[in-house]
C-alpha cells in the first residue's frame, strides 16, 4: 500500500473519530450575530455545519436584539409581523444540527420566552432518517401542549408559561428505541413537568419543513398569528447535543 493511500486512510479515520466525539450537533446562542440583523444562516464556530434555515418570506419576523434575560448576551426575536407570499411550507424557522445516527441519544433543548403572544407557536422536533419525534404547541395564554393526535390536533397540557418569563424545554431522544423524554422548566406552576418513555410520532411530517433526513432539527412556525410585530417568541439559546445538558 503506497504512502499517499495510507495518509488518506489515516485522515479519513481521524475525521470520523473527531465527528463521533463532537458533543454538540447544533450550538446557537447568537453571539456572532449583529443586533438589528437577521440571524446568520451558517452558524460560526464548532460544530461545523450547523445552521439556521428560513426563507425570505419570514425575514420581517426575525431580528437579533440584546438579551433581556442574560446581561451582555444576545437573543433572537421571532415576531408575528406581517408577511406576504406565505404557504404551508415556507414559514418554518429551523435550527438544523450536523449529521447524526441511530446509535447515540440526542438532546434537543432551548430557552426562550413569550412576548405578548397572540398566535399559536407550532414546534416540530425532527430526529434522524425521517424520524418525526414530537409536535408541541405554545398557546397565546402560555399553555404548552404536547400533540398526541396529529390528525385532530388533540393533546395534553404539560404546563403553562408566564409572559416575559424565560423557560427551558429539554427533549432526550433514543433514536433506535424510538422513544423520548421531555422535561419543561420555568412553568407558572413552579414545578418541572416531565413525560418519560413517550413513543415518537415516527412517520415524516408531510406538511412540515423540508428536512435533511440525517440531520436532527428543531422547527418553529406560527398559526393563527396576529400579523403585527409586537407579539413574539424570543430565543435566548438553542442546542442539539449528544450529551445531557447540565
C-alpha atoms as a PDB file:
ATOM      1  CA  UNK A   1       0.000   0.000   0.000  1.00  0.00           C
ATOM      2  CA  UNK A   2       1.544   3.320  -1.027  1.00  0.00           C
ATOM      3  CA  UNK A   3       2.286   6.133   1.381  1.00  0.00           C
ATOM      4  CA  UNK A   4      -0.297   8.543  -0.077  1.00  0.00           C
ATOM      5  CA  UNK A   5      -3.076   5.988   0.360  1.00  0.00           C
ATOM      6  CA  UNK A   6      -2.026   5.302   3.951  1.00  0.00           C
ATOM      7  CA  UNK A   7      -2.081   9.007   4.753  1.00  0.00           C
ATOM      8  CA  UNK A   8      -5.502   9.376   3.110  1.00  0.00           C
ATOM      9  CA  UNK A   9      -6.947   6.486   5.137  1.00  0.00           C
ATOM     10  CA  UNK A  10      -5.478   7.914   8.332  1.00  0.00           C
ATOM     11  CA  UNK A  11      -7.042  11.307   7.640  1.00  0.00           C
ATOM     12  CA  UNK A  12     -10.432   9.738   6.949  1.00  0.00           C
ATOM     13  CA  UNK A  13     -10.356   7.815  10.233  1.00  0.00           C
ATOM     14  CA  UNK A  14      -9.206  10.904  12.123  1.00  0.00           C
ATOM     15  CA  UNK A  15     -12.091  12.895  10.668  1.00  0.00           C
ATOM     16  CA  UNK A  16     -14.622  10.201  11.535  1.00  0.00           C
ATOM     17  CA  UNK A  17     -13.245   9.853  15.059  1.00  0.00           C
ATOM     18  CA  UNK A  18     -13.428  13.611  15.577  1.00  0.00           C
ATOM     19  CA  UNK A  19     -17.008  13.719  14.286  1.00  0.00           C
ATOM     20  CA  UNK A  20     -18.030  10.914  16.636  1.00  0.00           C
ATOM     21  CA  UNK A  21     -16.558  12.787  19.580  1.00  0.00           C
ATOM     22  CA  UNK A  22     -18.311  16.055  18.757  1.00  0.00           C
ATOM     23  CA  UNK A  23     -20.679  16.782  21.617  1.00  0.00           C
ATOM     24  CA  UNK A  24     -22.806  19.481  20.009  1.00  0.00           C
ATOM     25  CA  UNK A  25     -24.794  18.848  16.861  1.00  0.00           C
ATOM     26  CA  UNK A  26     -26.112  22.419  16.975  1.00  0.00           C
ATOM     27  CA  UNK A  27     -24.954  25.297  19.154  1.00  0.00           C
ATOM     28  CA  UNK A  28     -26.695  28.641  18.753  1.00  0.00           C
ATOM     29  CA  UNK A  29     -26.531  31.443  21.306  1.00  0.00           C
ATOM     30  CA  UNK A  30     -26.478  34.251  18.702  1.00  0.00           C
ATOM     31  CA  UNK A  31     -23.100  35.526  19.940  1.00  0.00           C
ATOM     32  CA  UNK A  32     -21.809  36.050  16.381  1.00  0.00           C
ATOM     33  CA  UNK A  33     -24.927  37.854  15.180  1.00  0.00           C
ATOM     34  CA  UNK A  34     -25.330  41.609  14.827  1.00  0.00           C
ATOM     35  CA  UNK A  35     -28.056  43.376  16.787  1.00  0.00           C
ATOM     36  CA  UNK A  36     -30.779  44.550  14.421  1.00  0.00           C
ATOM     37  CA  UNK A  37     -29.908  41.983  11.746  1.00  0.00           C
ATOM     38  CA  UNK A  38     -31.388  38.604  10.969  1.00  0.00           C
ATOM     39  CA  UNK A  39     -29.514  35.564  12.314  1.00  0.00           C
ATOM     40  CA  UNK A  40     -26.641  34.171  10.273  1.00  0.00           C
ATOM     41  CA  UNK A  41     -27.744  31.061   8.410  1.00  0.00           C
ATOM     42  CA  UNK A  42     -24.373  29.347   8.765  1.00  0.00           C
ATOM     43  CA  UNK A  43     -23.544  29.362  12.469  1.00  0.00           C
ATOM     44  CA  UNK A  44     -19.851  30.210  13.070  1.00  0.00           C
ATOM     45  CA  UNK A  45     -17.630  28.008  15.238  1.00  0.00           C
ATOM     46  CA  UNK A  46     -17.994  24.398  16.311  1.00  0.00           C
ATOM     47  CA  UNK A  47     -19.698  22.255  15.318  1.00  0.00           C
ATOM     48  CA  UNK A  48     -19.022  22.937  11.642  1.00  0.00           C
ATOM     49  CA  UNK A  49     -22.156  22.610   9.548  1.00  0.00           C
ATOM     50  CA  UNK A  50     -24.966  23.540  11.939  1.00  0.00           C
ATOM     51  CA  UNK A  51     -27.324  26.165  10.582  1.00  0.00           C
ATOM     52  CA  UNK A  52     -30.418  28.338  10.898  1.00  0.00           C
ATOM     53  CA  UNK A  53     -32.766  27.875   7.941  1.00  0.00           C
ATOM     54  CA  UNK A  54     -35.535  30.213   6.824  1.00  0.00           C
ATOM     55  CA  UNK A  55     -36.903  31.671   3.605  1.00  0.00           C
ATOM     56  CA  UNK A  56     -37.064  35.346   2.708  1.00  0.00           C
ATOM     57  CA  UNK A  57     -40.824  35.217   3.330  1.00  0.00           C
ATOM     58  CA  UNK A  58     -40.289  35.384   7.111  1.00  0.00           C
ATOM     59  CA  UNK A  59     -37.460  37.946   7.008  1.00  0.00           C
ATOM     60  CA  UNK A  60     -39.738  40.629   8.550  1.00  0.00           C
ATOM     61  CA  UNK A  61     -40.221  38.412  11.602  1.00  0.00           C
ATOM     62  CA  UNK A  62     -36.564  37.911  12.528  1.00  0.00           C
ATOM     63  CA  UNK A  63     -34.224  40.285  14.376  1.00  0.00           C
ATOM     64  CA  UNK A  64     -31.345  39.974  16.819  1.00  0.00           C
ATOM     65  CA  UNK A  65     -31.619  42.041  19.993  1.00  0.00           C
ATOM     66  CA  UNK A  66     -29.757  42.389  23.271  1.00  0.00           C
ATOM     67  CA  UNK A  67     -30.889  39.714  25.695  1.00  0.00           C
ATOM     68  CA  UNK A  68     -33.251  40.847  28.429  1.00  0.00           C
ATOM     69  CA  UNK A  69     -32.521  37.657  30.382  1.00  0.00           C
ATOM     70  CA  UNK A  70     -28.705  37.456  30.423  1.00  0.00           C
ATOM     71  CA  UNK A  71     -26.709  40.688  30.548  1.00  0.00           C
ATOM     72  CA  UNK A  72     -24.200  41.086  27.738  1.00  0.00           C
ATOM     73  CA  UNK A  73     -25.722  38.359  25.583  1.00  0.00           C
ATOM     74  CA  UNK A  74     -27.976  38.406  22.524  1.00  0.00           C
ATOM     75  CA  UNK A  75     -31.310  36.866  21.653  1.00  0.00           C
ATOM     76  CA  UNK A  76     -33.402  36.227  18.553  1.00  0.00           C
ATOM     77  CA  UNK A  77     -36.833  37.826  18.289  1.00  0.00           C
ATOM     78  CA  UNK A  78     -39.247  35.757  16.196  1.00  0.00           C
ATOM     79  CA  UNK A  79     -42.266  38.029  15.860  1.00  0.00           C
ATOM     80  CA  UNK A  80     -45.734  37.669  14.376  1.00  0.00           C
ATOM     81  CA  UNK A  81     -45.064  40.536  11.937  1.00  0.00           C
ATOM     82  CA  UNK A  82     -46.974  40.767   8.682  1.00  0.00           C
ATOM     83  CA  UNK A  83     -45.555  38.724   5.789  1.00  0.00           C
ATOM     84  CA  UNK A  84     -46.588  38.060   2.198  1.00  0.00           C
ATOM     85  CA  UNK A  85     -46.269  35.116  -0.152  1.00  0.00           C
ATOM     86  CA  UNK A  86     -46.604  32.599   2.652  1.00  0.00           C
ATOM     87  CA  UNK A  87     -47.532  28.951   2.094  1.00  0.00           C
ATOM     88  CA  UNK A  88     -47.743  25.967   4.421  1.00  0.00           C
ATOM     89  CA  UNK A  89     -44.103  25.183   3.650  1.00  0.00           C
ATOM     90  CA  UNK A  90     -42.132  28.446   3.548  1.00  0.00           C
ATOM     91  CA  UNK A  91     -42.840  29.847   7.021  1.00  0.00           C
ATOM     92  CA  UNK A  92     -40.660  27.476   9.055  1.00  0.00           C
ATOM     93  CA  UNK A  93     -37.784  28.727  11.182  1.00  0.00           C
ATOM     94  CA  UNK A  94     -35.479  25.723  11.518  1.00  0.00           C
ATOM     95  CA  UNK A  95     -32.396  25.084  13.616  1.00  0.00           C
ATOM     96  CA  UNK A  96     -30.505  22.213  11.998  1.00  0.00           C
ATOM     97  CA  UNK A  97     -27.780  20.127  13.565  1.00  0.00           C
ATOM     98  CA  UNK A  98     -24.953  18.260  11.896  1.00  0.00           C
ATOM     99  CA  UNK A  99     -25.324  14.670  10.717  1.00  0.00           C
ATOM    100  CA  UNK A 100     -26.050  12.106  13.399  1.00  0.00           C
ATOM    101  CA  UNK A 101     -27.192   8.480  13.535  1.00  0.00           C
ATOM    102  CA  UNK A 102     -29.314   5.991  15.465  1.00  0.00           C
ATOM    103  CA  UNK A 103     -26.502   4.777  17.704  1.00  0.00           C
ATOM    104  CA  UNK A 104     -26.419   7.624  20.226  1.00  0.00           C
ATOM    105  CA  UNK A 105     -29.024   9.522  22.241  1.00  0.00           C
ATOM    106  CA  UNK A 106     -29.758  13.092  21.182  1.00  0.00           C
ATOM    107  CA  UNK A 107     -30.803  16.003  23.405  1.00  0.00           C
ATOM    108  CA  UNK A 108     -32.797  18.915  21.984  1.00  0.00           C
ATOM    109  CA  UNK A 109     -33.149  21.919  24.270  1.00  0.00           C
ATOM    110  CA  UNK A 110     -33.736  25.638  24.155  1.00  0.00           C
ATOM    111  CA  UNK A 111     -34.504  28.606  26.370  1.00  0.00           C
ATOM    112  CA  UNK A 112     -36.994  31.247  25.327  1.00  0.00           C
ATOM    113  CA  UNK A 113     -39.976  33.317  26.376  1.00  0.00           C
ATOM    114  CA  UNK A 114     -43.246  34.631  25.007  1.00  0.00           C
ATOM    115  CA  UNK A 115     -43.823  38.327  24.429  1.00  0.00           C
ATOM    116  CA  UNK A 116     -47.456  39.458  24.214  1.00  0.00           C
ATOM    117  CA  UNK A 117     -48.326  36.368  22.190  1.00  0.00           C
ATOM    118  CA  UNK A 118     -51.466  36.302  20.068  1.00  0.00           C
ATOM    119  CA  UNK A 119     -50.716  33.453  17.671  1.00  0.00           C
ATOM    120  CA  UNK A 120     -50.011  29.798  18.394  1.00  0.00           C
ATOM    121  CA  UNK A 121     -46.392  28.642  18.082  1.00  0.00           C
ATOM    122  CA  UNK A 122     -46.049  25.225  16.458  1.00  0.00           C
ATOM    123  CA  UNK A 123     -42.875  23.245  17.239  1.00  0.00           C
ATOM    124  CA  UNK A 124     -41.743  20.117  15.394  1.00  0.00           C
ATOM    125  CA  UNK A 125     -38.776  18.068  16.605  1.00  0.00           C
ATOM    126  CA  UNK A 126     -37.136  16.057  13.843  1.00  0.00           C
ATOM    127  CA  UNK A 127     -34.737  13.213  14.563  1.00  0.00           C
ATOM    128  CA  UNK A 128     -32.594  11.387  12.015  1.00  0.00           C
ATOM    129  CA  UNK A 129     -33.537   9.496   8.841  1.00  0.00           C
ATOM    130  CA  UNK A 130     -37.032  10.941   8.714  1.00  0.00           C
ATOM    131  CA  UNK A 131     -37.851  10.286  12.367  1.00  0.00           C
ATOM    132  CA  UNK A 132     -40.553  12.757  13.425  1.00  0.00           C
ATOM    133  CA  UNK A 133     -40.106  12.877  17.191  1.00  0.00           C
ATOM    134  CA  UNK A 134     -42.869  15.083  18.547  1.00  0.00           C
ATOM    135  CA  UNK A 135     -45.037  18.115  17.944  1.00  0.00           C
ATOM    136  CA  UNK A 136     -45.606  20.776  20.578  1.00  0.00           C
ATOM    137  CA  UNK A 137     -47.670  23.934  20.577  1.00  0.00           C
ATOM    138  CA  UNK A 138     -47.386  27.031  22.775  1.00  0.00           C
ATOM    139  CA  UNK A 139     -50.733  28.774  23.047  1.00  0.00           C
ATOM    140  CA  UNK A 140     -51.223  32.546  23.470  1.00  0.00           C
ATOM    141  CA  UNK A 141     -52.116  32.054  27.146  1.00  0.00           C
ATOM    142  CA  UNK A 142     -48.818  30.234  27.740  1.00  0.00           C
ATOM    143  CA  UNK A 143     -50.068  26.648  27.777  1.00  0.00           C
ATOM    144  CA  UNK A 144     -47.543  24.168  26.387  1.00  0.00           C
ATOM    145  CA  UNK A 145     -49.345  21.324  24.642  1.00  0.00           C
ATOM    146  CA  UNK A 146     -47.861  18.026  23.517  1.00  0.00           C
ATOM    147  CA  UNK A 147     -49.838  16.967  20.469  1.00  0.00           C
ATOM    148  CA  UNK A 148     -50.983  13.366  20.894  1.00  0.00           C
ATOM    149  CA  UNK A 149     -53.045  13.128  17.708  1.00  0.00           C
ATOM    150  CA  UNK A 150     -51.617  14.994  14.736  1.00  0.00           C
ATOM    151  CA  UNK A 151     -54.710  14.415  12.611  1.00  0.00           C
ATOM    152  CA  UNK A 152     -57.098  16.051  15.089  1.00  0.00           C
ATOM    153  CA  UNK A 153     -54.682  18.359  16.920  1.00  0.00           C
ATOM    154  CA  UNK A 154     -55.660  16.854  20.283  1.00  0.00           C
ATOM    155  CA  UNK A 155     -53.052  16.947  23.007  1.00  0.00           C
ATOM    156  CA  UNK A 156     -52.168  17.189  26.681  1.00  0.00           C
ATOM    157  CA  UNK A 157     -51.097  20.295  28.585  1.00  0.00           C
ATOM    158  CA  UNK A 158     -47.583  19.951  30.016  1.00  0.00           C
ATOM    159  CA  UNK A 159     -47.634  23.262  31.869  1.00  0.00           C
ATOM    160  CA  UNK A 160     -48.205  26.966  31.416  1.00  0.00           C
ATOM    161  CA  UNK A 161     -45.682  29.757  30.895  1.00  0.00           C
ATOM    162  CA  UNK A 162     -45.834  33.318  32.160  1.00  0.00           C
ATOM    163  CA  UNK A 163     -45.311  36.053  29.566  1.00  0.00           C
ATOM    164  CA  UNK A 164     -41.801  37.527  29.618  1.00  0.00           C
ATOM    165  CA  UNK A 165     -40.538  34.798  31.953  1.00  0.00           C
ATOM    166  CA  UNK A 166     -37.871  32.537  30.459  1.00  0.00           C
ATOM    167  CA  UNK A 167     -38.487  28.802  30.246  1.00  0.00           C
ATOM    168  CA  UNK A 168     -36.440  25.830  29.052  1.00  0.00           C
ATOM    169  CA  UNK A 169     -37.659  22.738  27.209  1.00  0.00           C
ATOM    170  CA  UNK A 170     -35.476  19.605  27.101  1.00  0.00           C
ATOM    171  CA  UNK A 171     -36.212  16.567  24.928  1.00  0.00           C
ATOM    172  CA  UNK A 172     -33.983  13.483  25.081  1.00  0.00           C
ATOM    173  CA  UNK A 173     -34.356  11.038  22.199  1.00  0.00           C
ATOM    174  CA  UNK A 174     -33.289   7.409  21.953  1.00  0.00           C
ATOM    175  CA  UNK A 175     -33.387   7.081  18.146  1.00  0.00           C
ATOM    176  CA  UNK A 176     -33.100   3.297  17.906  1.00  0.00           C
ATOM    177  CA  UNK A 177     -35.824   2.743  20.512  1.00  0.00           C
ATOM    178  CA  UNK A 178     -37.988   5.491  19.004  1.00  0.00           C
ATOM    179  CA  UNK A 179     -38.729   6.833  22.464  1.00  0.00           C
ATOM    180  CA  UNK A 180     -38.149  10.185  24.114  1.00  0.00           C
ATOM    181  CA  UNK A 181     -38.414  12.012  27.433  1.00  0.00           C
ATOM    182  CA  UNK A 182     -39.463  15.639  27.799  1.00  0.00           C
ATOM    183  CA  UNK A 183     -38.835  17.969  30.742  1.00  0.00           C
ATOM    184  CA  UNK A 184     -40.118  21.533  30.982  1.00  0.00           C
ATOM    185  CA  UNK A 185     -38.577  24.106  33.329  1.00  0.00           C
ATOM    186  CA  UNK A 186     -39.989  27.518  34.224  1.00  0.00           C
ATOM    187  CA  UNK A 187     -43.697  26.817  34.216  1.00  0.00           C
ATOM    188  CA  UNK A 188     -46.184  29.022  36.029  1.00  0.00           C
ATOM    189  CA  UNK A 189     -46.953  26.083  38.312  1.00  0.00           C
ATOM    190  CA  UNK A 190     -43.439  26.367  39.750  1.00  0.00           C
ATOM    191  CA  UNK A 191     -42.516  22.711  39.327  1.00  0.00           C
ATOM    192  CA  UNK A 192     -40.819  20.878  36.479  1.00  0.00           C
ATOM    193  CA  UNK A 193     -43.086  18.968  34.111  1.00  0.00           C
ATOM    194  CA  UNK A 194     -41.946  15.535  32.895  1.00  0.00           C
ATOM    195  CA  UNK A 195     -43.092  12.852  30.497  1.00  0.00           C
ATOM    196  CA  UNK A 196     -40.961   9.729  30.086  1.00  0.00           C
ATOM    197  CA  UNK A 197     -40.619   6.916  27.563  1.00  0.00           C
ATOM    198  CA  UNK A 198     -43.002   8.501  25.065  1.00  0.00           C
ATOM    199  CA  UNK A 199     -43.297   6.950  21.599  1.00  0.00           C
ATOM    200  CA  UNK A 200     -42.202   9.168  18.720  1.00  0.00           C
ATOM    201  CA  UNK A 201     -44.652  10.170  16.018  1.00  0.00           C
ATOM    202  CA  UNK A 202     -42.231   8.267  13.745  1.00  0.00           C
ATOM    203  CA  UNK A 203     -43.527   8.985  10.268  1.00  0.00           C
ATOM    204  CA  UNK A 204     -42.145  12.002   8.383  1.00  0.00           C
ATOM    205  CA  UNK A 205     -44.388  15.054   8.560  1.00  0.00           C
ATOM    206  CA  UNK A 206     -45.904  15.671   5.091  1.00  0.00           C
ATOM    207  CA  UNK A 207     -46.822  19.262   5.977  1.00  0.00           C
ATOM    208  CA  UNK A 208     -43.552  20.081   7.730  1.00  0.00           C
ATOM    209  CA  UNK A 209     -40.392  21.838   6.594  1.00  0.00           C
ATOM    210  CA  UNK A 210     -38.056  20.182   4.107  1.00  0.00           C
ATOM    211  CA  UNK A 211     -35.610  18.134   6.169  1.00  0.00           C
ATOM    212  CA  UNK A 212     -32.206  16.639   5.535  1.00  0.00           C
ATOM    213  CA  UNK A 213     -33.058  13.165   6.799  1.00  0.00           C
ATOM    214  CA  UNK A 214     -29.714  12.608   8.532  1.00  0.00           C
ATOM    215  CA  UNK A 215     -29.753  15.918  10.411  1.00  0.00           C
ATOM    216  CA  UNK A 216     -31.752  16.434  13.609  1.00  0.00           C
ATOM    217  CA  UNK A 217     -33.586  19.751  13.830  1.00  0.00           C
ATOM    218  CA  UNK A 218     -35.921  21.950  15.880  1.00  0.00           C
ATOM    219  CA  UNK A 219     -38.533  23.770  13.803  1.00  0.00           C
ATOM    220  CA  UNK A 220     -40.954  26.600  14.541  1.00  0.00           C
ATOM    221  CA  UNK A 221     -43.823  28.345  12.774  1.00  0.00           C
ATOM    222  CA  UNK A 222     -46.872  30.375  13.726  1.00  0.00           C
ATOM    223  CA  UNK A 223     -50.527  29.506  13.349  1.00  0.00           C
ATOM    224  CA  UNK A 224     -53.403  31.989  13.637  1.00  0.00           C
ATOM    225  CA  UNK A 225     -50.927  34.776  14.241  1.00  0.00           C
ATOM    226  CA  UNK A 226     -51.736  38.473  14.571  1.00  0.00           C
ATOM    227  CA  UNK A 227     -49.552  39.789  11.692  1.00  0.00           C
ATOM    228  CA  UNK A 228     -48.258  42.514  13.995  1.00  0.00           C
ATOM    229  CA  UNK A 229     -44.671  42.860  15.180  1.00  0.00           C
ATOM    230  CA  UNK A 230     -45.141  43.268  18.941  1.00  0.00           C
ATOM    231  CA  UNK A 231     -46.172  39.669  19.748  1.00  0.00           C
ATOM    232  CA  UNK A 232     -43.132  37.400  19.568  1.00  0.00           C
ATOM    233  CA  UNK A 233     -41.249  34.404  20.843  1.00  0.00           C
ATOM    234  CA  UNK A 234     -37.726  35.316  21.962  1.00  0.00           C
ATOM    235  CA  UNK A 235     -34.968  32.697  21.763  1.00  0.00           C
ATOM    236  CA  UNK A 236     -32.112  33.001  24.237  1.00  0.00           C
ATOM    237  CA  UNK A 237     -30.260  29.891  23.069  1.00  0.00           C
ATOM    238  CA  UNK A 238     -30.938  26.614  21.283  1.00  0.00           C
ATOM    239  CA  UNK A 239     -28.936  23.391  21.203  1.00  0.00           C
ATOM    240  CA  UNK A 240     -28.871  19.837  19.895  1.00  0.00           C
ATOM    241  CA  UNK A 241     -26.316  17.639  21.626  1.00  0.00           C
ATOM    242  CA  UNK A 242     -25.105  14.097  22.181  1.00  0.00           C
ATOM    243  CA  UNK A 243     -24.535  14.948  25.830  1.00  0.00           C
ATOM    244  CA  UNK A 244     -27.142  15.542  28.505  1.00  0.00           C
ATOM    245  CA  UNK A 245     -27.253  19.245  29.410  1.00  0.00           C
ATOM    246  CA  UNK A 246     -26.019  20.254  32.858  1.00  0.00           C
END
